[in-house]
Each structure stands twice: as C-alpha cells, then as structure tokens.
C-alpha atoms as a PDB file:
ATOM      1  CA  MET A   1     -16.804-100.322 219.486  1.00  0.00           C
ATOM      2  CA  PRO A   2     -18.124 -96.868 218.504  1.00  0.00           C
ATOM      3  CA  LEU A   3     -18.042 -96.230 214.779  1.00  0.00           C
ATOM      4  CA  ASP A   4     -15.704 -93.229 215.081  1.00  0.00           C
ATOM      5  CA  VAL A   5     -13.163 -95.392 216.940  1.00  0.00           C
ATOM      6  CA  LEU A   6     -13.380 -98.083 214.245  1.00  0.00           C
ATOM      7  CA  VAL A   7     -12.763 -95.469 211.533  1.00  0.00           C
ATOM      8  CA  ALA A   8      -9.752 -94.185 213.501  1.00  0.00           C
ATOM      9  CA  MET A   9      -8.342 -97.714 213.753  1.00  0.00           C
ATOM     10  CA  THR A  10      -8.792 -98.233 210.018  1.00  0.00           C
ATOM     11  CA  GLU A  11      -7.209 -94.866 209.193  1.00  0.00           C
ATOM     12  CA  GLY A  12      -4.179 -95.654 211.298  1.00  0.00           C
ATOM     13  CA  SER A  13      -3.608 -99.236 210.157  1.00  0.00           C
ATOM     14  CA  LEU A  14      -4.179 -98.698 206.434  1.00  0.00           C
ATOM     15  CA  GLY A  15      -2.301 -95.398 206.601  1.00  0.00           C
ATOM     16  CA  TYR A  16       0.667 -97.284 208.015  1.00  0.00           C
ATOM     17  CA  VAL A  17       0.555 -99.860 205.204  1.00  0.00           C
ATOM     18  CA  LEU A  18       0.448 -97.143 202.539  1.00  0.00           C
ATOM     19  CA  GLN A  19       3.066 -95.083 204.352  1.00  0.00           C
ATOM     20  CA  GLN A  20       5.534 -97.974 204.516  1.00  0.00           C
ATOM     21  CA  ALA A  21       4.997 -98.961 200.872  1.00  0.00           C
ATOM     22  CA  LEU A  22       5.528 -95.384 199.687  1.00  0.00           C
ATOM     23  CA  LEU A  23       8.578 -94.904 201.885  1.00  0.00           C
ATOM     24  CA  ASN A  24      10.180 -98.067 200.520  1.00  0.00           C
ATOM     25  CA  GLN A  25       9.557 -96.956 196.928  1.00  0.00           C
ATOM     26  CA  LEU A  26      10.996 -93.516 197.629  1.00  0.00           C
ATOM     27  CA  ARG A  27      14.134 -95.063 199.116  1.00  0.00           C
ATOM     28  CA  LYS A  28      14.556 -97.361 196.088  1.00  0.00           C
ATOM     29  CA  ARG A  29      14.542 -94.255 193.917  1.00  0.00           C
ATOM     30  CA  ALA A  30      16.866 -92.324 196.251  1.00  0.00           C
ATOM     31  CA  VAL A  31      14.153 -89.717 196.859  1.00  0.00           C
ATOM     32  CA  ARG A  32      14.717 -88.143 200.264  1.00  0.00           C
ATOM     33  CA  ARG A  33      11.129 -87.401 201.217  1.00  0.00           C
ATOM     34  CA  TYR A  34       9.032 -88.631 204.114  1.00  0.00           C
ATOM     35  CA  VAL A  35       5.476 -89.919 204.333  1.00  0.00           C
ATOM     36  CA  VAL A  36       3.150 -89.084 207.214  1.00  0.00           C
ATOM     37  CA  THR A  37      -0.309 -90.416 208.053  1.00  0.00           C
ATOM     38  CA  VAL A  38      -2.708 -88.001 209.739  1.00  0.00           C
ATOM     39  CA  VAL A  39      -5.562 -89.549 211.720  1.00  0.00           C
ATOM     40  CA  SER A  40      -8.097 -86.974 210.545  1.00  0.00           C
ATOM     41  CA  GLN A  41     -11.229 -85.733 212.322  1.00  0.00           C
ATOM     42  CA  VAL A  42     -14.028 -84.426 210.110  1.00  0.00           C
ATOM     43  CA  VAL A  43     -16.783 -82.197 211.481  1.00  0.00           C
ATOM     44  CA  VAL A  44     -20.389 -82.925 210.549  1.00  0.00           C
ATOM     45  CA  ASP A  45     -23.573 -81.055 211.466  1.00  0.00           C
ATOM     46  CA  GLU A  46     -25.799 -83.102 213.780  1.00  0.00           C
ATOM     47  CA  ASN A  47     -28.780 -81.250 212.255  1.00  0.00           C
ATOM     48  CA  ASP A  48     -27.938 -82.588 208.807  1.00  0.00           C
ATOM     49  CA  PRO A  49     -31.083 -84.290 207.388  1.00  0.00           C
ATOM     50  CA  ALA A  50     -28.975 -87.389 206.711  1.00  0.00           C
ATOM     51  CA  PHE A  51     -29.125 -88.237 210.416  1.00  0.00           C
ATOM     52  CA  ASN A  52     -32.807 -89.048 209.958  1.00  0.00           C
ATOM     53  CA  ALA A  53     -32.276 -91.233 206.889  1.00  0.00           C
ATOM     54  CA  PRO A  54     -29.471 -93.807 207.288  1.00  0.00           C
ATOM     55  CA  THR A  55     -28.352 -95.020 203.850  1.00  0.00           C
ATOM     56  CA  LYS A  56     -24.718 -96.138 204.129  1.00  0.00           C
ATOM     57  CA  PRO A  57     -24.206 -99.917 204.577  1.00  0.00           C
ATOM     58  CA  VAL A  58     -21.316-100.770 206.925  1.00  0.00           C
ATOM     59  CA  GLY A  59     -19.881-103.800 208.655  1.00  0.00           C
ATOM     60  CA  PRO A  60     -20.189-107.520 207.922  1.00  0.00           C
ATOM     61  CA  PHE A  61     -22.926-109.270 205.991  1.00  0.00           C
ATOM     62  CA  LEU A  62     -25.441-110.925 208.318  1.00  0.00           C
ATOM     63  CA  THR A  63     -28.354-113.314 208.022  1.00  0.00           C
ATOM     64  CA  LYS A  64     -31.773-111.722 208.233  1.00  0.00           C
ATOM     65  CA  GLU A  65     -32.312-113.266 211.672  1.00  0.00           C
ATOM     66  CA  GLU A  66     -29.011-111.980 213.069  1.00  0.00           C
ATOM     67  CA  ALA A  67     -29.562-108.516 211.551  1.00  0.00           C
ATOM     68  CA  GLU A  68     -33.025-108.232 213.079  1.00  0.00           C
ATOM     69  CA  LYS A  69     -31.667-109.425 216.424  1.00  0.00           C
ATOM     70  CA  ARG A  70     -28.981-106.719 216.452  1.00  0.00           C
ATOM     71  CA  ALA A  71     -31.464-104.114 215.279  1.00  0.00           C
ATOM     72  CA  ALA A  72     -33.696-104.907 218.254  1.00  0.00           C
ATOM     73  CA  ALA A  73     -30.843-105.038 220.756  1.00  0.00           C
ATOM     74  CA  LEU A  74     -28.710-102.136 219.514  1.00  0.00           C
ATOM     75  CA  GLY A  75     -31.224 -99.876 217.773  1.00  0.00           C
ATOM     76  CA  TRP A  76     -29.622-100.408 214.378  1.00  0.00           C
ATOM     77  CA  LYS A  77     -31.267 -99.751 211.045  1.00  0.00           C
ATOM     78  CA  VAL A  78     -30.647-102.778 208.806  1.00  0.00           C
ATOM     79  CA  LYS A  79     -31.286-103.626 205.182  1.00  0.00           C
ATOM     80  CA  GLU A  80     -30.660-106.415 202.686  1.00  0.00           C
ATOM     81  CA  ASP A  81     -27.679-105.487 200.492  1.00  0.00           C
ATOM     82  CA  ALA A  82     -27.733-106.598 196.844  1.00  0.00           C
ATOM     83  CA  GLY A  83     -28.508-110.239 197.571  1.00  0.00           C
ATOM     84  CA  ARG A  84     -25.326-110.704 199.612  1.00  0.00           C
ATOM     85  CA  GLY A  85     -26.850-110.501 203.087  1.00  0.00           C
ATOM     86  CA  TRP A  86     -28.086-107.935 205.580  1.00  0.00           C
ATOM     87  CA  ARG A  87     -26.031-105.015 206.860  1.00  0.00           C
ATOM     88  CA  ARG A  88     -26.247-102.128 209.236  1.00  0.00           C
ATOM     89  CA  LEU A  89     -27.218 -98.737 207.770  1.00  0.00           C
ATOM     90  CA  VAL A  90     -25.765 -95.506 209.167  1.00  0.00           C
ATOM     91  CA  PRO A  91     -26.242 -91.848 208.207  1.00  0.00           C
ATOM     92  CA  SER A  92     -23.833 -90.190 205.779  1.00  0.00           C
ATOM     93  CA  PRO A  93     -23.951 -86.438 206.495  1.00  0.00           C
ATOM     94  CA  ARG A  94     -21.967 -83.933 204.481  1.00  0.00           C
ATOM     95  CA  PRO A  95     -18.456 -83.154 205.762  1.00  0.00           C
ATOM     96  CA  ILE A  96     -17.984 -79.535 206.804  1.00  0.00           C
ATOM     97  CA  LYS A  97     -14.280 -79.210 207.604  1.00  0.00           C
ATOM     98  CA  VAL A  98     -11.206 -81.248 208.461  1.00  0.00           C
ATOM     99  CA  ILE A  99      -9.842 -80.352 211.894  1.00  0.00           C
ATOM    100  CA  GLN A 100      -6.223 -81.108 210.954  1.00  0.00           C
ATOM    101  CA  ARG A 101      -6.337 -79.179 207.668  1.00  0.00           C
ATOM    102  CA  HIS A 102      -3.671 -76.637 208.689  1.00  0.00           C
ATOM    103  CA  SER A 103      -1.290 -79.354 209.897  1.00  0.00           C
ATOM    104  CA  ILE A 104      -1.797 -81.273 206.653  1.00  0.00           C
ATOM    105  CA  ARG A 105      -1.137 -78.172 204.546  1.00  0.00           C
ATOM    106  CA  ASP A 106       1.994 -77.280 206.538  1.00  0.00           C
ATOM    107  CA  ALA A 107       3.376 -80.816 206.211  1.00  0.00           C
ATOM    108  CA  VAL A 108       2.881 -80.710 202.435  1.00  0.00           C
ATOM    109  CA  ARG A 109       4.632 -77.338 202.246  1.00  0.00           C
ATOM    110  CA  GLN A 110       7.578 -78.922 204.054  1.00  0.00           C
ATOM    111  CA  GLY A 111       7.810 -81.425 201.216  1.00  0.00           C
ATOM    112  CA  HIS A 112       6.216 -84.418 202.930  1.00  0.00           C
ATOM    113  CA  ILE A 113       3.691 -86.777 201.335  1.00  0.00           C
ATOM    114  CA  VAL A 114       0.563 -86.798 203.505  1.00  0.00           C
ATOM    115  CA  ILE A 115      -2.017 -89.570 203.796  1.00  0.00           C
ATOM    116  CA  ALA A 116      -5.174 -88.123 205.326  1.00  0.00           C
ATOM    117  CA  CYS A 117      -8.943 -88.500 205.683  1.00  0.00           C
ATOM    118  CA  GLY A 118      -8.915 -92.263 205.130  1.00  0.00           C
ATOM    119  CA  GLY A 119     -12.391 -93.717 204.715  1.00  0.00           C
ATOM    120  CA  GLY A 120     -13.877 -90.224 204.696  1.00  0.00           C
ATOM    121  CA  GLY A 121     -12.292 -89.254 208.008  1.00  0.00           C
ATOM    122  CA  ILE A 122     -13.346 -89.752 211.615  1.00  0.00           C
ATOM    123  CA  PRO A 123     -16.819 -88.193 211.941  1.00  0.00           C
ATOM    124  CA  ILE A 124     -17.205 -85.838 214.889  1.00  0.00           C
ATOM    125  CA  LYS A 125     -19.832 -83.304 215.923  1.00  0.00           C
ATOM    126  CA  LYS A 126     -19.695 -80.211 218.104  1.00  0.00           C
ATOM    127  CA  LYS A 127     -21.715 -80.319 221.309  1.00  0.00           C
ATOM    128  CA  ALA A 128     -23.532 -77.368 222.853  1.00  0.00           C
ATOM    129  CA  ASN A 129     -20.655 -76.795 225.298  1.00  0.00           C
ATOM    130  CA  GLY A 130     -18.175 -76.514 222.417  1.00  0.00           C
ATOM    131  CA  GLU A 131     -16.571 -79.917 222.925  1.00  0.00           C
ATOM    132  CA  TYR A 132     -16.215 -82.452 220.120  1.00  0.00           C
ATOM    133  CA  ALA A 133     -17.710 -85.937 220.269  1.00  0.00           C
ATOM    134  CA  GLY A 134     -17.688 -88.894 217.905  1.00  0.00           C
ATOM    135  CA  ALA A 135     -20.676 -89.493 215.637  1.00  0.00           C
ATOM    136  CA  GLU A 136     -22.153 -92.843 214.580  1.00  0.00           C
ATOM    137  CA  VAL A 137     -22.017 -91.931 210.903  1.00  0.00           C
ATOM    138  CA  VAL A 138     -19.765 -92.371 207.862  1.00  0.00           C
ATOM    139  CA  CYS A 139     -18.606 -89.497 205.664  1.00  0.00           C
ATOM    140  CA  ASP A 140     -18.304 -90.044 201.926  1.00  0.00           C
ATOM    141  CA  LYS A 141     -14.591 -90.266 201.102  1.00  0.00           C
ATOM    142  CA  ASP A 142     -14.880 -88.276 197.866  1.00  0.00           C
ATOM    143  CA  LEU A 143     -16.775 -85.407 199.482  1.00  0.00           C
ATOM    144  CA  THR A 144     -14.296 -85.275 202.370  1.00  0.00           C
ATOM    145  CA  SER A 145     -11.374 -85.280 199.945  1.00  0.00           C
ATOM    146  CA  ALA A 146     -12.913 -82.351 198.071  1.00  0.00           C
ATOM    147  CA  VAL A 147     -13.374 -80.388 201.303  1.00  0.00           C
ATOM    148  CA  LEU A 148      -9.745 -81.034 202.276  1.00  0.00           C
ATOM    149  CA  ALA A 149      -8.529 -80.051 198.796  1.00  0.00           C
ATOM    150  CA  SER A 150     -10.369 -76.739 199.130  1.00  0.00           C
ATOM    151  CA  ASP A 151      -9.134 -76.188 202.695  1.00  0.00           C
ATOM    152  CA  VAL A 152      -5.458 -76.595 201.762  1.00  0.00           C
ATOM    153  CA  GLY A 153      -5.747 -74.576 198.537  1.00  0.00           C
ATOM    154  CA  ALA A 154      -4.954 -77.457 196.185  1.00  0.00           C
ATOM    155  CA  GLU A 155      -4.453 -76.459 192.557  1.00  0.00           C
ATOM    156  CA  LEU A 156      -5.432 -79.888 191.241  1.00  0.00           C
ATOM    157  CA  PHE A 157      -7.951 -82.362 192.697  1.00  0.00           C
ATOM    158  CA  ILE A 158      -7.693 -85.950 191.437  1.00  0.00           C
ATOM    159  CA  ILE A 159     -10.103 -88.815 192.102  1.00  0.00           C
ATOM    160  CA  LEU A 160      -8.812 -92.270 191.215  1.00  0.00           C
ATOM    161  CA  THR A 161     -11.488 -94.851 190.455  1.00  0.00           C
ATOM    162  CA  ALA A 162     -11.942 -98.092 188.492  1.00  0.00           C
ATOM    163  CA  VAL A 163     -12.485 -96.547 185.050  1.00  0.00           C
ATOM    164  CA  PRO A 164     -10.124 -94.423 182.919  1.00  0.00           C
ATOM    165  CA  GLN A 165     -12.763 -91.771 182.166  1.00  0.00           C
ATOM    166  CA  VAL A 166     -16.221 -90.618 183.205  1.00  0.00           C
ATOM    167  CA  PHE A 167     -19.001 -91.722 180.858  1.00  0.00           C
ATOM    168  CA  ALA A 168     -22.280 -90.036 180.031  1.00  0.00           C
ATOM    169  CA  SER A 169     -25.229 -92.413 179.421  1.00  0.00           C
ATOM    170  CA  PHE A 170     -23.188 -95.172 181.054  1.00  0.00           C
ATOM    171  CA  GLY A 171     -24.307 -98.655 180.011  1.00  0.00           C
ATOM    172  CA  LYS A 172     -26.645 -97.332 177.301  1.00  0.00           C
ATOM    173  CA  PRO A 173     -26.312 -97.472 173.500  1.00  0.00           C
ATOM    174  CA  ASP A 174     -25.291 -93.806 173.355  1.00  0.00           C
ATOM    175  CA  GLN A 175     -22.626 -94.174 176.079  1.00  0.00           C
ATOM    176  CA  HIS A 176     -19.653 -91.883 175.477  1.00  0.00           C
ATOM    177  CA  ALA A 177     -16.538 -90.867 177.377  1.00  0.00           C
ATOM    178  CA  LEU A 178     -16.084 -87.309 178.600  1.00  0.00           C
ATOM    179  CA  GLY A 179     -12.827 -85.501 177.858  1.00  0.00           C
ATOM    180  CA  ALA A 180     -12.824 -81.912 179.113  1.00  0.00           C
ATOM    181  CA  VAL A 181     -15.955 -80.613 180.841  1.00  0.00           C
ATOM    182  CA  THR A 182     -16.848 -77.171 182.173  1.00  0.00           C
ATOM    183  CA  VAL A 183     -18.863 -76.640 185.343  1.00  0.00           C
ATOM    184  CA  GLN A 184     -21.878 -75.567 183.307  1.00  0.00           C
ATOM    185  CA  GLU A 185     -21.727 -78.691 181.132  1.00  0.00           C
ATOM    186  CA  LEU A 186     -21.280 -80.892 184.188  1.00  0.00           C
ATOM    187  CA  GLU A 187     -24.272 -79.375 185.960  1.00  0.00           C
ATOM    188  CA  ARG A 188     -26.394 -80.049 182.866  1.00  0.00           C
ATOM    189  CA  LEU A 189     -25.287 -83.689 182.788  1.00  0.00           C
ATOM    190  CA  VAL A 190     -26.088 -84.059 186.483  1.00  0.00           C
ATOM    191  CA  ALA A 191     -29.566 -82.593 185.944  1.00  0.00           C
ATOM    192  CA  GLU A 192     -30.120 -85.098 183.118  1.00  0.00           C
ATOM    193  CA  GLY A 193     -29.354 -87.971 185.506  1.00  0.00           C
ATOM    194  CA  HIS A 194     -26.170 -89.327 183.905  1.00  0.00           C
ATOM    195  CA  PHE A 195     -24.370 -90.249 187.149  1.00  0.00           C
ATOM    196  CA  ALA A 196     -25.662 -92.980 189.482  1.00  0.00           C
ATOM    197  CA  PRO A 197     -25.968 -92.031 193.182  1.00  0.00           C
ATOM    198  CA  GLY A 198     -24.092 -95.103 194.424  1.00  0.00           C
ATOM    199  CA  SER A 199     -21.354 -95.005 191.809  1.00  0.00           C
ATOM    200  CA  MET A 200     -20.062 -91.965 189.916  1.00  0.00           C
ATOM    201  CA  GLY A 201     -22.573 -89.570 191.504  1.00  0.00           C
ATOM    202  CA  PRO A 202     -20.624 -88.773 194.715  1.00  0.00           C
ATOM    203  CA  LYS A 203     -17.410 -88.270 192.728  1.00  0.00           C
ATOM    204  CA  ILE A 204     -19.099 -85.770 190.418  1.00  0.00           C
ATOM    205  CA  GLU A 205     -20.640 -84.027 193.437  1.00  0.00           C
ATOM    206  CA  ALA A 206     -17.169 -83.825 194.999  1.00  0.00           C
ATOM    207  CA  VAL A 207     -15.715 -82.289 191.836  1.00  0.00           C
ATOM    208  CA  LEU A 208     -18.521 -79.726 191.637  1.00  0.00           C
ATOM    209  CA  GLY A 209     -17.984 -78.824 195.285  1.00  0.00           C
ATOM    210  CA  PHE A 210     -14.249 -78.323 194.782  1.00  0.00           C
ATOM    211  CA  LEU A 211     -14.704 -76.187 191.675  1.00  0.00           C
ATOM    212  CA  GLY A 212     -17.566 -74.270 193.289  1.00  0.00           C
ATOM    213  CA  ARG A 213     -15.299 -73.285 196.183  1.00  0.00           C
ATOM    214  CA  GLY A 214     -12.744 -71.767 193.821  1.00  0.00           C
ATOM    215  CA  GLY A 215     -10.822 -74.823 192.618  1.00  0.00           C
ATOM    216  CA  LYS A 216      -9.454 -74.527 189.104  1.00  0.00           C
ATOM    217  CA  ARG A 217      -8.969 -78.082 187.855  1.00  0.00           C
ATOM    218  CA  ALA A 218     -10.008 -81.646 188.684  1.00  0.00           C
ATOM    219  CA  ILE A 219      -9.425 -85.037 187.077  1.00  0.00           C
ATOM    220  CA  ILE A 220     -11.182 -88.400 187.361  1.00  0.00           C
ATOM    221  CA  THR A 221      -9.297 -91.422 186.018  1.00  0.00           C
ATOM    222  CA  ASP A 222      -7.802 -94.750 187.101  1.00  0.00           C
ATOM    223  CA  ALA A 223      -4.302 -95.437 188.441  1.00  0.00           C
ATOM    224  CA  GLU A 224      -3.043 -96.886 185.151  1.00  0.00           C
ATOM    225  CA  HIS A 225      -3.876 -93.732 183.189  1.00  0.00           C
ATOM    226  CA  LEU A 226      -2.893 -91.207 185.875  1.00  0.00           C
ATOM    227  CA  PRO A 227       0.515 -90.187 184.410  1.00  0.00           C
ATOM    228  CA  ALA A 228      -1.056 -89.538 181.007  1.00  0.00           C
ATOM    229  CA  ALA A 229      -4.034 -87.764 182.614  1.00  0.00           C
ATOM    230  CA  ILE A 230      -1.751 -85.335 184.453  1.00  0.00           C
ATOM    231  CA  GLU A 231      -0.217 -84.488 181.074  1.00  0.00           C
ATOM    232  CA  GLY A 232      -3.700 -83.965 179.595  1.00  0.00           C
ATOM    233  CA  ARG A 233      -3.659 -87.100 177.405  1.00  0.00           C
ATOM    234  CA  ALA A 234      -6.165 -89.251 179.336  1.00  0.00           C
ATOM    235  CA  GLY A 235      -8.889 -89.117 181.965  1.00  0.00           C
ATOM    236  CA  THR A 236     -11.794 -86.722 182.306  1.00  0.00           C
ATOM    237  CA  HIS A 237     -10.824 -83.124 183.069  1.00  0.00           C
ATOM    238  CA  PHE A 238     -13.069 -80.633 184.825  1.00  0.00           C
ATOM    239  CA  ILE A 239     -12.439 -76.921 184.510  1.00  0.00           C
ATOM    240  CA  GLY A 240     -13.561 -74.283 186.989  1.00  0.00           C
ATOM    241  CA  ALA A 241     -14.311 -70.630 186.431  1.00  0.00           C
ATOM    242  CA  ILE A 242     -11.799 -68.881 184.187  1.00  0.00           C
END
C-alpha cells in the first residue's frame, strides 16, 4: 500500500485506542468531556532537498537478500539498521502546515481533547493543478507537532520523551541536566553539537521552531514528571522572546 495510506491507517487505529482509553478515564472521574481523533494531512514541499536523500528507516526488518530484491523490484532505497536487519529508507521533508489545523483548534475551543498528527501526520504534496496527492515520505512527529502548536496558537508546547530532562554533553563526564533555557542559550548548545540528530536533535529543533514562530514556552520531560514539570518543578523549560 502507499505510504500515506499506511500512515492514515496507523493514525486512525492508534487514535482510536488512545481515544477510548482517555474516554474511559474521563468517565471514571465524572469529567464530561469528549475525545476526538483527527486523521491529519500534513503538507510538504516536493522540492525539499530531503526528497533526494532518503534517511528515515520504515517498515519491517529484512535480510540483505530480501532488501536488495525489493530495492530492485520497487525502486526502494535500503540500508542496514543498527545490526538488526535491513530496512527501507524514505525521505523526511519538513512539514509546512496541517490541513485540519482550524478544525483542530475549533474542537479544542469547544472543550474537546484532540488527538492529531499521529506519526507525524499523513504526508501530502500539492500538484501543479492545485490538487493534493499523497507522498512516499515520513514527517518527523516532533516537527509536525511544533507546526501544529504554532498554527493553533498554543501557549505551551510539551514534548514527552523517555528522559525527565534534556542533558548537555549527554553520556560524557561533564553531562548535566538543563533546567530553564533561553532561545539564545539553546542555539549555542545546538551549535556546540550537544544534541544527537537521531535522538534529542529533532525535539530541540521542534522547540526552536515553535519559539521562533512566536511561541512563549515549551517543556521536554517524561510522562512520570509531567505534573511537576507543568508546575515548574521538573523537566527542561524553554523560554521564548520576552
């Protein structure tokens, strides 16, 4: 199946699972709110340089022989992935806008909890005749989330990850956790190479994008520390222009 269709299927099915779990918890607490999943289309630019340099591994792990066979038959780019097998590589262009952004914002204003842009959203591109078509790419989920947060005018942008705080010099003797960081300080840390491209890098890029588009505050933490982070007692806090 086309990659955009597979992303849509994943968005819908996982959105349903999350939606049902949240709805059940709300009912247990006698909270009369509803949860809605939006199958979200995300526009990318087909002239994005990423189209010429596929880097995002997707799909199942294959043997080298099977991967090369599919590459020859389907025109895939394939690569060995961390000793676990071979996988297909697809481009990961930057998300430009979320088509359903106004619907998402309006639903939130009505008091609903909205699940949107799952997996980075369904990638689509605009053809010369103005019509939209699916794209065989994957959008980074953190970058898409930042674009959506800007589009709906979010006051606070939160990224949940596996660690309670962001660390500078991660894994080195001088490793240290970051508490509150300004945009200027964050840009300096990025320039010094503190955030790995395949790990914390995209999350930091997402935060910078959100703050650069006028966002005021962002947090990176894990689920366990989220309540304390919202109160300013945990997590790493990023502050935009004052």
